[in-house]
Protein backbone atom coordinates (compact mmCIF):
# COMPACT_ATOMS: atom_id res chain seq x y z
CA MET A 1 0.06 -0.05 -0.21
CA ALA A 2 0.42 3.35 -0.88
CA ILE A 3 -0.67 5.49 1.80
CA ARG A 4 0.45 3.55 6.06
CA TYR A 5 -1.31 4.29 8.78
CA ALA A 6 0.06 4.75 12.39
CA ARG A 7 -2.35 4.93 15.66
CA SER A 8 -3.79 9.29 14.02
CA LEU A 9 -1.76 9.46 10.79
CA ALA A 10 -1.31 8.12 7.43
CA HIS A 11 1.67 8.41 5.80
CA PHE A 12 1.76 8.62 1.45
CA GLU A 13 4.32 7.08 0.35
CA GLU A 14 6.06 7.66 -3.70
CA ARG A 15 3.05 7.02 -5.58
CA CYS A 16 -0.34 6.65 -4.61
CA ALA A 17 -3.46 5.53 -6.24
CA VAL A 18 -6.26 6.11 -6.79
CA GLU A 19 -7.45 2.68 -5.28
CA GLU A 20 -6.50 3.94 -1.77
CA ALA A 21 -8.75 6.60 -2.43
CA LEU A 22 -11.77 4.40 -0.25
CA ALA A 23 -9.06 3.27 3.09
CA LEU A 24 -8.02 7.85 3.08
CA VAL A 25 -11.87 7.92 3.24
CA GLU A 26 -12.99 5.46 5.69
CA PHE A 27 -9.29 6.35 7.80
CA LEU A 28 -10.66 9.98 8.03
CA ARG A 29 -13.83 8.90 9.20
CA ALA A 30 -12.75 6.13 12.35
CA HIS A 31 -9.53 9.39 13.41
CA PRO A 32 -11.59 12.61 12.68
CA LYS A 33 -8.44 13.84 14.42
CA GLY A 34 -6.06 12.52 12.43
CA LYS A 35 -3.83 14.27 10.46
CA ILE A 36 -1.17 13.08 7.16
CA SER A 37 2.13 13.53 5.92
CA LEU A 38 2.94 13.27 2.96
CA ALA A 39 6.96 13.95 3.26
CA THR A 40 8.09 10.98 1.01
CA CYS A 41 4.91 11.65 -1.34
CA THR A 42 6.32 11.43 -5.31
CA SER A 43 2.35 12.05 -6.69
CA MET A 44 -0.66 11.27 -6.06
CA HIS A 45 -3.79 10.80 -8.03
CA ALA A 46 -6.95 13.21 -8.04
CA ALA A 47 -8.90 10.92 -6.13
CA LEU A 48 -6.48 11.87 -3.34
CA LEU A 49 -6.88 14.68 -3.53
CA GLN A 50 -10.07 15.36 -4.00
CA VAL A 51 -10.56 13.59 -0.93
CA ILE A 52 -7.98 15.75 0.63
CA LEU A 53 -10.13 18.74 -0.34
CA ALA A 54 -13.34 17.50 0.78
CA MET A 55 -12.44 15.70 4.56
CA ARG A 56 -9.48 19.13 5.61
CA PRO A 57 -6.87 17.10 7.21
CA PRO A 58 -4.13 18.58 8.86
CA VAL A 59 -0.89 17.84 7.08
CA THR A 60 2.14 17.22 9.80
CA GLN A 61 4.44 16.94 6.69
CA LEU A 62 4.82 18.03 2.42
CA PRO A 63 5.88 17.29 -0.16
CA ALA A 64 8.98 17.44 -1.75
CA ASP A 65 7.53 18.44 -5.34
CA PRO A 66 7.40 22.43 -5.15
CA LEU A 67 3.74 21.34 -7.65
CA LEU A 68 2.14 19.12 -5.29
CA ALA A 69 3.77 21.13 -2.43
CA ALA A 70 1.63 23.43 -3.73
CA LEU A 71 -1.80 21.96 -4.45
CA ILE A 72 -1.42 19.90 -1.19
CA GLY A 73 -0.63 23.98 0.56
CA ALA A 74 -3.96 25.16 -0.67
CA ALA A 75 -5.52 22.79 0.67
CA ALA A 76 -4.37 22.19 3.71
CA THR A 77 -6.54 23.78 6.31
CA ALA A 78 -4.44 25.79 8.66
CA ASP A 79 -0.76 25.98 8.97
CA LEU A 80 1.54 23.27 8.70
CA ILE A 81 1.30 20.92 12.80
CA PRO A 82 4.41 19.73 13.97
CA ALA A 83 3.66 16.07 14.07
């Protein structure tokens, strides 16, 4: 899986595909204060971006890719929070 779940933090790793979207929704519903880390994410399917836009989880780390970081940064509910 490209998204690894640890307690209340979802770690996006490398290429994250559309198949991850439903699991992400379920995780965020089960963990209303859940956060996401995108530090090692290299790309993500638009469905995952839509989940992030809709559910607006706090982002602990942005990805290194500047375009992806800009998209996610625009979607973040607030400034980056500490992990």
